[in-house]
Amino acid sequence: QTCAVNLIYYHVHRGLLKLPISSTP
């Protein structure tokens, strides 16, 4: 997959992006 998608998953895996997403942007 593209690096954009990979980087998003990387941030989730490392706990840098918390789920579920409660606020945007």
mmCIF file of all heavy atoms, coordinates in Angstrom:
data_MODEL
# 
_entry.id   MODEL 
# 
loop_
_atom_site.group_PDB 
_atom_site.id 
_atom_site.type_symbol 
_atom_site.label_atom_id 
_atom_site.label_alt_id 
_atom_site.label_comp_id 
_atom_site.label_asym_id 
_atom_site.label_entity_id 
_atom_site.label_seq_id 
_atom_site.pdbx_PDB_ins_code 
_atom_site.Cartn_x 
_atom_site.Cartn_y 
_atom_site.Cartn_z 
_atom_site.occupancy 
_atom_site.B_iso_or_equiv 
_atom_site.pdbx_formal_charge 
_atom_site.auth_seq_id 
_atom_site.auth_comp_id 
_atom_site.auth_asym_id 
_atom_site.auth_atom_id 
_atom_site.pdbx_PDB_model_num 
ATOM 1   N N   . GLN A 1 1  ? 0.827   -1.203 0.000  1.00 0.00 ? 1  GLN A N   1 
ATOM 2   C CA  . GLN A 1 1  ? 0.000   0.000  0.000  1.00 0.00 ? 1  GLN A CA  1 
ATOM 3   C C   . GLN A 1 1  ? 0.865   1.257  0.000  1.00 0.00 ? 1  GLN A C   1 
ATOM 4   O O   . GLN A 1 1  ? 2.076   1.205  0.207  1.00 0.00 ? 1  GLN A O   1 
ATOM 5   C CB  . GLN A 1 1  ? -0.927  0.002  1.223  1.00 0.00 ? 1  GLN A CB  1 
ATOM 6   C CG  . GLN A 1 1  ? -1.881  -1.179 1.259  1.00 0.00 ? 1  GLN A CG  1 
ATOM 7   C CD  . GLN A 1 1  ? -2.897  -1.063 2.368  1.00 0.00 ? 1  GLN A CD  1 
ATOM 8   O OE1 . GLN A 1 1  ? -3.923  -0.409 2.219  1.00 0.00 ? 1  GLN A OE1 1 
ATOM 9   N NE2 . GLN A 1 1  ? -2.619  -1.704 3.495  1.00 0.00 ? 1  GLN A NE2 1 
ATOM 10  N N   . THR A 1 2  ? 0.221   2.401  -0.189 1.00 0.00 ? 2  THR A N   1 
ATOM 11  C CA  . THR A 1 2  ? 0.937   3.670  -0.230 1.00 0.00 ? 2  THR A CA  1 
ATOM 12  C C   . THR A 1 2  ? 1.528   3.998  1.137  1.00 0.00 ? 2  THR A C   1 
ATOM 13  O O   . THR A 1 2  ? 1.061   3.521  2.173  1.00 0.00 ? 2  THR A O   1 
ATOM 14  C CB  . THR A 1 2  ? -0.001  4.817  -0.632 1.00 0.00 ? 2  THR A CB  1 
ATOM 15  O OG1 . THR A 1 2  ? -1.013  4.966  0.380  1.00 0.00 ? 2  THR A OG1 1 
ATOM 16  C CG2 . THR A 1 2  ? -0.658  4.545  -1.983 1.00 0.00 ? 2  THR A CG2 1 
ATOM 17  N N   . CYS A 1 3  ? 2.528   4.854  1.132  1.00 0.00 ? 3  CYS A N   1 
ATOM 18  C CA  . CYS A 1 3  ? 3.141   5.273  2.391  1.00 0.00 ? 3  CYS A CA  1 
ATOM 19  C C   . CYS A 1 3  ? 2.146   6.041  3.253  1.00 0.00 ? 3  CYS A C   1 
ATOM 20  O O   . CYS A 1 3  ? 2.230   5.989  4.492  1.00 0.00 ? 3  CYS A O   1 
ATOM 21  C CB  . CYS A 1 3  ? 4.371   6.139  2.113  1.00 0.00 ? 3  CYS A CB  1 
ATOM 22  S SG  . CYS A 1 3  ? 5.852   5.190  1.722  1.00 0.00 ? 3  CYS A SG  1 
ATOM 23  N N   . ALA A 1 4  ? 1.228   6.748  2.633  1.00 0.00 ? 4  ALA A N   1 
ATOM 24  C CA  . ALA A 1 4  ? 0.229   7.498  3.402  1.00 0.00 ? 4  ALA A CA  1 
ATOM 25  C C   . ALA A 1 4  ? -0.577  6.559  4.292  1.00 0.00 ? 4  ALA A C   1 
ATOM 26  O O   . ALA A 1 4  ? -0.771  6.808  5.489  1.00 0.00 ? 4  ALA A O   1 
ATOM 27  C CB  . ALA A 1 4  ? -0.692  8.272  2.462  1.00 0.00 ? 4  ALA A CB  1 
ATOM 28  N N   . VAL A 1 5  ? -1.050  5.467  3.720  1.00 0.00 ? 5  VAL A N   1 
ATOM 29  C CA  . VAL A 1 5  ? -1.827  4.490  4.480  1.00 0.00 ? 5  VAL A CA  1 
ATOM 30  C C   . VAL A 1 5  ? -0.950  3.817  5.536  1.00 0.00 ? 5  VAL A C   1 
ATOM 31  O O   . VAL A 1 5  ? -1.351  3.645  6.694  1.00 0.00 ? 5  VAL A O   1 
ATOM 32  C CB  . VAL A 1 5  ? -2.455  3.438  3.543  1.00 0.00 ? 5  VAL A CB  1 
ATOM 33  C CG1 . VAL A 1 5  ? -3.119  2.320  4.340  1.00 0.00 ? 5  VAL A CG1 1 
ATOM 34  C CG2 . VAL A 1 5  ? -3.469  4.093  2.621  1.00 0.00 ? 5  VAL A CG2 1 
ATOM 35  N N   . ASN A 1 6  ? 0.251   3.437  5.137  1.00 0.00 ? 6  ASN A N   1 
ATOM 36  C CA  . ASN A 1 6  ? 1.165   2.773  6.073  1.00 0.00 ? 6  ASN A CA  1 
ATOM 37  C C   . ASN A 1 6  ? 1.478   3.661  7.275  1.00 0.00 ? 6  ASN A C   1 
ATOM 38  O O   . ASN A 1 6  ? 1.540   3.181  8.412  1.00 0.00 ? 6  ASN A O   1 
ATOM 39  C CB  . ASN A 1 6  ? 2.474   2.400  5.361  1.00 0.00 ? 6  ASN A CB  1 
ATOM 40  C CG  . ASN A 1 6  ? 2.267   1.390  4.255  1.00 0.00 ? 6  ASN A CG  1 
ATOM 41  O OD1 . ASN A 1 6  ? 1.361   0.568  4.314  1.00 0.00 ? 6  ASN A OD1 1 
ATOM 42  N ND2 . ASN A 1 6  ? 3.104   1.451  3.237  1.00 0.00 ? 6  ASN A ND2 1 
ATOM 43  N N   . LEU A 1 7  ? 1.688   4.950  7.024  1.00 0.00 ? 7  LEU A N   1 
ATOM 44  C CA  . LEU A 1 7  ? 2.038   5.866  8.106  1.00 0.00 ? 7  LEU A CA  1 
ATOM 45  C C   . LEU A 1 7  ? 0.886   6.027  9.094  1.00 0.00 ? 7  LEU A C   1 
ATOM 46  O O   . LEU A 1 7  ? 1.106   6.127  10.307 1.00 0.00 ? 7  LEU A O   1 
ATOM 47  C CB  . LEU A 1 7  ? 2.447   7.224  7.533  1.00 0.00 ? 7  LEU A CB  1 
ATOM 48  C CG  . LEU A 1 7  ? 3.048   8.216  8.531  1.00 0.00 ? 7  LEU A CG  1 
ATOM 49  C CD1 . LEU A 1 7  ? 4.314   7.654  9.170  1.00 0.00 ? 7  LEU A CD1 1 
ATOM 50  C CD2 . LEU A 1 7  ? 3.355   9.545  7.841  1.00 0.00 ? 7  LEU A CD2 1 
ATOM 51  N N   . ILE A 1 8  ? -0.334  6.031  8.585  1.00 0.00 ? 8  ILE A N   1 
ATOM 52  C CA  . ILE A 1 8  ? -1.503  6.120  9.476  1.00 0.00 ? 8  ILE A CA  1 
ATOM 53  C C   . ILE A 1 8  ? -1.570  4.891  10.376 1.00 0.00 ? 8  ILE A C   1 
ATOM 54  O O   . ILE A 1 8  ? -1.730  5.003  11.598 1.00 0.00 ? 8  ILE A O   1 
ATOM 55  C CB  . ILE A 1 8  ? -2.795  6.264  8.647  1.00 0.00 ? 8  ILE A CB  1 
ATOM 56  C CG1 . ILE A 1 8  ? -2.841  7.632  7.963  1.00 0.00 ? 8  ILE A CG1 1 
ATOM 57  C CG2 . ILE A 1 8  ? -4.029  6.081  9.545  1.00 0.00 ? 8  ILE A CG2 1 
ATOM 58  C CD1 . ILE A 1 8  ? -3.968  7.784  6.958  1.00 0.00 ? 8  ILE A CD1 1 
ATOM 59  N N   . TYR A 1 9  ? -1.428  3.708  9.784  1.00 0.00 ? 9  TYR A N   1 
ATOM 60  C CA  . TYR A 1 9  ? -1.454  2.477  10.588 1.00 0.00 ? 9  TYR A CA  1 
ATOM 61  C C   . TYR A 1 9  ? -0.301  2.435  11.587 1.00 0.00 ? 9  TYR A C   1 
ATOM 62  O O   . TYR A 1 9  ? -0.461  1.943  12.707 1.00 0.00 ? 9  TYR A O   1 
ATOM 63  C CB  . TYR A 1 9  ? -1.411  1.250  9.679  1.00 0.00 ? 9  TYR A CB  1 
ATOM 64  C CG  . TYR A 1 9  ? -2.686  0.975  8.927  1.00 0.00 ? 9  TYR A CG  1 
ATOM 65  C CD1 . TYR A 1 9  ? -2.669  0.516  7.602  1.00 0.00 ? 9  TYR A CD1 1 
ATOM 66  C CD2 . TYR A 1 9  ? -3.923  1.145  9.525  1.00 0.00 ? 9  TYR A CD2 1 
ATOM 67  C CE1 . TYR A 1 9  ? -3.839  0.258  6.917  1.00 0.00 ? 9  TYR A CE1 1 
ATOM 68  C CE2 . TYR A 1 9  ? -5.102  0.894  8.837  1.00 0.00 ? 9  TYR A CE2 1 
ATOM 69  C CZ  . TYR A 1 9  ? -5.055  0.444  7.532  1.00 0.00 ? 9  TYR A CZ  1 
ATOM 70  O OH  . TYR A 1 9  ? -6.220  0.179  6.858  1.00 0.00 ? 9  TYR A OH  1 
ATOM 71  N N   . TYR A 1 10 ? 0.849   2.951  11.175 1.00 0.00 ? 10 TYR A N   1 
ATOM 72  C CA  . TYR A 1 10 ? 2.008   2.995  12.075 1.00 0.00 ? 10 TYR A CA  1 
ATOM 73  C C   . TYR A 1 10 ? 1.686   3.831  13.308 1.00 0.00 ? 10 TYR A C   1 
ATOM 74  O O   . TYR A 1 10 ? 2.005   3.435  14.442 1.00 0.00 ? 10 TYR A O   1 
ATOM 75  C CB  . TYR A 1 10 ? 3.220   3.574  11.335 1.00 0.00 ? 10 TYR A CB  1 
ATOM 76  C CG  . TYR A 1 10 ? 4.422   3.804  12.221 1.00 0.00 ? 10 TYR A CG  1 
ATOM 77  C CD1 . TYR A 1 10 ? 5.323   2.773  12.494 1.00 0.00 ? 10 TYR A CD1 1 
ATOM 78  C CD2 . TYR A 1 10 ? 4.664   5.067  12.801 1.00 0.00 ? 10 TYR A CD2 1 
ATOM 79  C CE1 . TYR A 1 10 ? 6.422   2.974  13.318 1.00 0.00 ? 10 TYR A CE1 1 
ATOM 80  C CE2 . TYR A 1 10 ? 5.766   5.277  13.615 1.00 0.00 ? 10 TYR A CE2 1 
ATOM 81  C CZ  . TYR A 1 10 ? 6.640   4.229  13.874 1.00 0.00 ? 10 TYR A CZ  1 
ATOM 82  O OH  . TYR A 1 10 ? 7.718   4.436  14.697 1.00 0.00 ? 10 TYR A OH  1 
ATOM 83  N N   . HIS A 1 11 ? 1.058   4.974  13.103 1.00 0.00 ? 11 HIS A N   1 
ATOM 84  C CA  . HIS A 1 11 ? 0.719   5.844  14.221 1.00 0.00 ? 11 HIS A CA  1 
ATOM 85  C C   . HIS A 1 11 ? -0.305  5.189  15.152 1.00 0.00 ? 11 HIS A C   1 
ATOM 86  O O   . HIS A 1 11 ? -0.229  5.354  16.374 1.00 0.00 ? 11 HIS A O   1 
ATOM 87  C CB  . HIS A 1 11 ? 0.199   7.191  13.706 1.00 0.00 ? 11 HIS A CB  1 
ATOM 88  C CG  . HIS A 1 11 ? 1.293   8.167  13.418 1.00 0.00 ? 11 HIS A CG  1 
ATOM 89  N ND1 . HIS A 1 11 ? 2.156   8.025  12.357 1.00 0.00 ? 11 HIS A ND1 1 
ATOM 90  C CD2 . HIS A 1 11 ? 1.686   9.298  14.072 1.00 0.00 ? 11 HIS A CD2 1 
ATOM 91  C CE1 . HIS A 1 11 ? 3.029   9.031  12.356 1.00 0.00 ? 11 HIS A CE1 1 
ATOM 92  N NE2 . HIS A 1 11 ? 2.762   9.815  13.382 1.00 0.00 ? 11 HIS A NE2 1 
ATOM 93  N N   . VAL A 1 12 ? -1.232  4.445  14.585 1.00 0.00 ? 12 VAL A N   1 
ATOM 94  C CA  . VAL A 1 12 ? -2.205  3.736  15.427 1.00 0.00 ? 12 VAL A CA  1 
ATOM 95  C C   . VAL A 1 12 ? -1.501  2.645  16.217 1.00 0.00 ? 12 VAL A C   1 
ATOM 96  O O   . VAL A 1 12 ? -1.710  2.487  17.430 1.00 0.00 ? 12 VAL A O   1 
ATOM 97  C CB  . VAL A 1 12 ? -3.342  3.139  14.574 1.00 0.00 ? 12 VAL A CB  1 
ATOM 98  C CG1 . VAL A 1 12 ? -4.266  2.281  15.438 1.00 0.00 ? 12 VAL A CG1 1 
ATOM 99  C CG2 . VAL A 1 12 ? -4.138  4.248  13.897 1.00 0.00 ? 12 VAL A CG2 1 
ATOM 100 N N   . HIS A 1 13 ? -0.648  1.869  15.536 1.00 0.00 ? 13 HIS A N   1 
ATOM 101 C CA  . HIS A 1 13 ? 0.053   0.768  16.200 1.00 0.00 ? 13 HIS A CA  1 
ATOM 102 C C   . HIS A 1 13 ? 0.928   1.280  17.341 1.00 0.00 ? 13 HIS A C   1 
ATOM 103 O O   . HIS A 1 13 ? 0.998   0.640  18.408 1.00 0.00 ? 13 HIS A O   1 
ATOM 104 C CB  . HIS A 1 13 ? 0.920   0.016  15.186 1.00 0.00 ? 13 HIS A CB  1 
ATOM 105 C CG  . HIS A 1 13 ? 1.744   -1.085 15.793 1.00 0.00 ? 13 HIS A CG  1 
ATOM 106 N ND1 . HIS A 1 13 ? 1.206   -2.295 16.165 1.00 0.00 ? 13 HIS A ND1 1 
ATOM 107 C CD2 . HIS A 1 13 ? 3.072   -1.152 16.102 1.00 0.00 ? 13 HIS A CD2 1 
ATOM 108 C CE1 . HIS A 1 13 ? 2.155   -3.058 16.690 1.00 0.00 ? 13 HIS A CE1 1 
ATOM 109 N NE2 . HIS A 1 13 ? 3.294   -2.390 16.659 1.00 0.00 ? 13 HIS A NE2 1 
ATOM 110 N N   . ARG A 1 14 ? 1.575   2.408  17.161 1.00 0.00 ? 14 ARG A N   1 
ATOM 111 C CA  . ARG A 1 14 ? 2.472   2.961  18.177 1.00 0.00 ? 14 ARG A CA  1 
ATOM 112 C C   . ARG A 1 14 ? 1.718   3.743  19.260 1.00 0.00 ? 14 ARG A C   1 
ATOM 113 O O   . ARG A 1 14 ? 2.333   4.242  20.196 1.00 0.00 ? 14 ARG A O   1 
ATOM 114 C CB  . ARG A 1 14 ? 3.511   3.869  17.523 1.00 0.00 ? 14 ARG A CB  1 
ATOM 115 C CG  . ARG A 1 14 ? 4.456   3.160  16.573 1.00 0.00 ? 14 ARG A CG  1 
ATOM 116 C CD  . ARG A 1 14 ? 5.328   2.148  17.299 1.00 0.00 ? 14 ARG A CD  1 
ATOM 117 N NE  . ARG A 1 14 ? 6.294   1.535  16.388 1.00 0.00 ? 14 ARG A NE  1 
ATOM 118 C CZ  . ARG A 1 14 ? 7.076   0.526  16.709 1.00 0.00 ? 14 ARG A CZ  1 
ATOM 119 N NH1 . ARG A 1 14 ? 6.997   0.007  17.916 1.00 0.00 ? 14 ARG A NH1 1 
ATOM 120 N NH2 . ARG A 1 14 ? 7.909   0.001  15.831 1.00 0.00 ? 14 ARG A NH2 1 
ATOM 121 N N   . GLY A 1 15 ? 0.411   3.844  19.124 1.00 0.00 ? 15 GLY A N   1 
ATOM 122 C CA  . GLY A 1 15 ? -0.365  4.580  20.119 1.00 0.00 ? 15 GLY A CA  1 
ATOM 123 C C   . GLY A 1 15 ? -0.292  6.081  19.956 1.00 0.00 ? 15 GLY A C   1 
ATOM 124 O O   . GLY A 1 15 ? -0.705  6.842  20.850 1.00 0.00 ? 15 GLY A O   1 
ATOM 125 N N   . LEU A 1 16 ? 0.237   6.534  18.814 1.00 0.00 ? 16 LEU A N   1 
ATOM 126 C CA  . LEU A 1 16 ? 0.340   7.966  18.549 1.00 0.00 ? 16 LEU A CA  1 
ATOM 127 C C   . LEU A 1 16 ? -0.978  8.539  18.048 1.00 0.00 ? 16 LEU A C   1 
ATOM 128 O O   . LEU A 1 16 ? -1.200  9.757  18.106 1.00 0.00 ? 16 LEU A O   1 
ATOM 129 C CB  . LEU A 1 16 ? 1.450   8.222  17.513 1.00 0.00 ? 16 LEU A CB  1 
ATOM 130 C CG  . LEU A 1 16 ? 2.842   7.698  17.902 1.00 0.00 ? 16 LEU A CG  1 
ATOM 131 C CD1 . LEU A 1 16 ? 3.814   7.845  16.741 1.00 0.00 ? 16 LEU A CD1 1 
ATOM 132 C CD2 . LEU A 1 16 ? 3.350   8.435  19.139 1.00 0.00 ? 16 LEU A CD2 1 
ATOM 133 N N   . LEU A 1 17 ? -1.842  7.668  17.551 1.00 0.00 ? 17 LEU A N   1 
ATOM 134 C CA  . LEU A 1 17 ? -3.193  8.047  17.134 1.00 0.00 ? 17 LEU A CA  1 
ATOM 135 C C   . LEU A 1 17 ? -4.166  7.139  17.876 1.00 0.00 ? 17 LEU A C   1 
ATOM 136 O O   . LEU A 1 17 ? -4.173  5.927  17.664 1.00 0.00 ? 17 LEU A O   1 
ATOM 137 C CB  . LEU A 1 17 ? -3.354  7.891  15.617 1.00 0.00 ? 17 LEU A CB  1 
ATOM 138 C CG  . LEU A 1 17 ? -4.732  8.226  15.034 1.00 0.00 ? 17 LEU A CG  1 
ATOM 139 C CD1 . LEU A 1 17 ? -5.079  9.691  15.282 1.00 0.00 ? 17 LEU A CD1 1 
ATOM 140 C CD2 . LEU A 1 17 ? -4.774  7.923  13.524 1.00 0.00 ? 17 LEU A CD2 1 
ATOM 141 N N   . LYS A 1 18 ? -4.935  7.718  18.792 1.00 0.00 ? 18 LYS A N   1 
ATOM 142 C CA  . LYS A 1 18 ? -5.823  6.941  19.654 1.00 0.00 ? 18 LYS A CA  1 
ATOM 143 C C   . LYS A 1 18 ? -7.146  6.642  18.944 1.00 0.00 ? 18 LYS A C   1 
ATOM 144 O O   . LYS A 1 18 ? -7.695  7.497  18.245 1.00 0.00 ? 18 LYS A O   1 
ATOM 145 C CB  . LYS A 1 18 ? -6.099  7.696  20.952 1.00 0.00 ? 18 LYS A CB  1 
ATOM 146 C CG  . LYS A 1 18 ? -4.843  8.079  21.743 1.00 0.00 ? 18 LYS A CG  1 
ATOM 147 C CD  . LYS A 1 18 ? -4.115  6.851  22.271 1.00 0.00 ? 18 LYS A CD  1 
ATOM 148 C CE  . LYS A 1 18 ? -2.919  7.262  23.139 1.00 0.00 ? 18 LYS A CE  1 
ATOM 149 N NZ  . LYS A 1 18 ? -2.182  6.088  23.663 1.00 0.00 ? 18 LYS A NZ  1 
ATOM 150 N N   . LEU A 1 19 ? -7.636  5.424  19.159 1.00 0.00 ? 19 LEU A N   1 
ATOM 151 C CA  . LEU A 1 19 ? -8.924  5.010  18.598 1.00 0.00 ? 19 LEU A CA  1 
ATOM 152 C C   . LEU A 1 19 ? -9.898  4.672  19.714 1.00 0.00 ? 19 LEU A C   1 
ATOM 153 O O   . LEU A 1 19 ? -9.493  4.194  20.771 1.00 0.00 ? 19 LEU A O   1 
ATOM 154 C CB  . LEU A 1 19 ? -8.731  3.790  17.687 1.00 0.00 ? 19 LEU A CB  1 
ATOM 155 C CG  . LEU A 1 19 ? -7.807  3.958  16.478 1.00 0.00 ? 19 LEU A CG  1 
ATOM 156 C CD1 . LEU A 1 19 ? -7.772  2.665  15.671 1.00 0.00 ? 19 LEU A CD1 1 
ATOM 157 C CD2 . LEU A 1 19 ? -8.258  5.118  15.606 1.00 0.00 ? 19 LEU A CD2 1 
ATOM 158 N N   . PRO A 1 20 ? -11.208 4.860  19.490 1.00 0.00 ? 20 PRO A N   1 
ATOM 159 C CA  . PRO A 1 20 ? -11.776 5.517  18.301 1.00 0.00 ? 20 PRO A CA  1 
ATOM 160 C C   . PRO A 1 20 ? -11.474 7.009  18.290 1.00 0.00 ? 20 PRO A C   1 
ATOM 161 O O   . PRO A 1 20 ? -11.280 7.617  19.336 1.00 0.00 ? 20 PRO A O   1 
ATOM 162 C CB  . PRO A 1 20 ? -13.275 5.251  18.444 1.00 0.00 ? 20 PRO A CB  1 
ATOM 163 C CG  . PRO A 1 20 ? -13.483 5.133  19.926 1.00 0.00 ? 20 PRO A CG  1 
ATOM 164 C CD  . PRO A 1 20 ? -12.249 4.466  20.456 1.00 0.00 ? 20 PRO A CD  1 
ATOM 165 N N   . ILE A 1 21 ? -11.418 7.555  17.089 1.00 0.00 ? 21 ILE A N   1 
ATOM 166 C CA  . ILE A 1 21 ? -11.115 8.979  16.940 1.00 0.00 ? 21 ILE A CA  1 
ATOM 167 C C   . ILE A 1 21 ? -12.299 9.793  17.439 1.00 0.00 ? 21 ILE A C   1 
ATOM 168 O O   . ILE A 1 21 ? -13.432 9.610  16.984 1.00 0.00 ? 21 ILE A O   1 
ATOM 169 C CB  . ILE A 1 21 ? -10.804 9.304  15.468 1.00 0.00 ? 21 ILE A CB  1 
ATOM 170 C CG1 . ILE A 1 21 ? -9.494  8.604  15.061 1.00 0.00 ? 21 ILE A CG1 1 
ATOM 171 C CG2 . ILE A 1 21 ? -10.682 10.815 15.261 1.00 0.00 ? 21 ILE A CG2 1 
ATOM 172 C CD1 . ILE A 1 21 ? -9.165  8.713  13.590 1.00 0.00 ? 21 ILE A CD1 1 
ATOM 173 N N   . SER A 1 22 ? -12.024 10.663 18.383 1.00 0.00 ? 22 SER A N   1 
ATOM 174 C CA  . SER A 1 22 ? -13.110 11.419 19.021 1.00 0.00 ? 22 SER A CA  1 
ATOM 175 C C   . SER A 1 22 ? -13.187 12.867 18.570 1.00 0.00 ? 22 SER A C   1 
ATOM 176 O O   . SER A 1 22 ? -14.191 13.547 18.825 1.00 0.00 ? 22 SER A O   1 
ATOM 177 C CB  . SER A 1 22 ? -12.947 11.374 20.550 1.00 0.00 ? 22 SER A CB  1 
ATOM 178 O OG  . SER A 1 22 ? -11.668 11.868 20.939 1.00 0.00 ? 22 SER A OG  1 
ATOM 179 N N   . SER A 1 23 ? -12.110 13.343 17.925 1.00 0.00 ? 23 SER A N   1 
ATOM 180 C CA  . SER A 1 23 ? -12.136 14.733 17.470 1.00 0.00 ? 23 SER A CA  1 
ATOM 181 C C   . SER A 1 23 ? -11.374 14.878 16.166 1.00 0.00 ? 23 SER A C   1 
ATOM 182 O O   . SER A 1 23 ? -10.424 14.138 15.887 1.00 0.00 ? 23 SER A O   1 
ATOM 183 C CB  . SER A 1 23 ? -11.528 15.659 18.536 1.00 0.00 ? 23 SER A CB  1 
ATOM 184 O OG  . SER A 1 23 ? -10.152 15.356 18.746 1.00 0.00 ? 23 SER A OG  1 
ATOM 185 N N   . THR A 1 24 ? -11.801 15.804 15.369 1.00 0.00 ? 24 THR A N   1 
ATOM 186 C CA  . THR A 1 24 ? -11.154 16.123 14.090 1.00 0.00 ? 24 THR A CA  1 
ATOM 187 C C   . THR A 1 24 ? -10.929 17.628 14.038 1.00 0.00 ? 24 THR A C   1 
ATOM 188 O O   . THR A 1 24 ? -11.569 18.382 14.776 1.00 0.00 ? 24 THR A O   1 
ATOM 189 C CB  . THR A 1 24 ? -12.031 15.664 12.914 1.00 0.00 ? 24 THR A CB  1 
ATOM 190 O OG1 . THR A 1 24 ? -13.316 16.287 13.017 1.00 0.00 ? 24 THR A OG1 1 
ATOM 191 C CG2 . THR A 1 24 ? -12.198 14.159 12.895 1.00 0.00 ? 24 THR A CG2 1 
ATOM 192 N N   . PRO A 1 25 ? -10.046 18.108 13.157 1.00 0.00 ? 25 PRO A N   1 
ATOM 193 C CA  . PRO A 1 25 ? -9.270  17.353 12.171 1.00 0.00 ? 25 PRO A CA  1 
ATOM 194 C C   . PRO A 1 25 ? -8.137  16.555 12.820 1.00 0.00 ? 25 PRO A C   1 
ATOM 195 O O   . PRO A 1 25 ? -7.817  16.752 13.982 1.00 0.00 ? 25 PRO A O   1 
ATOM 196 C CB  . PRO A 1 25 ? -8.734  18.437 11.246 1.00 0.00 ? 25 PRO A CB  1 
ATOM 197 C CG  . PRO A 1 25 ? -8.636  19.645 12.128 1.00 0.00 ? 25 PRO A CG  1 
ATOM 198 C CD  . PRO A 1 25 ? -9.814  19.566 13.057 1.00 0.00 ? 25 PRO A CD  1 
# 
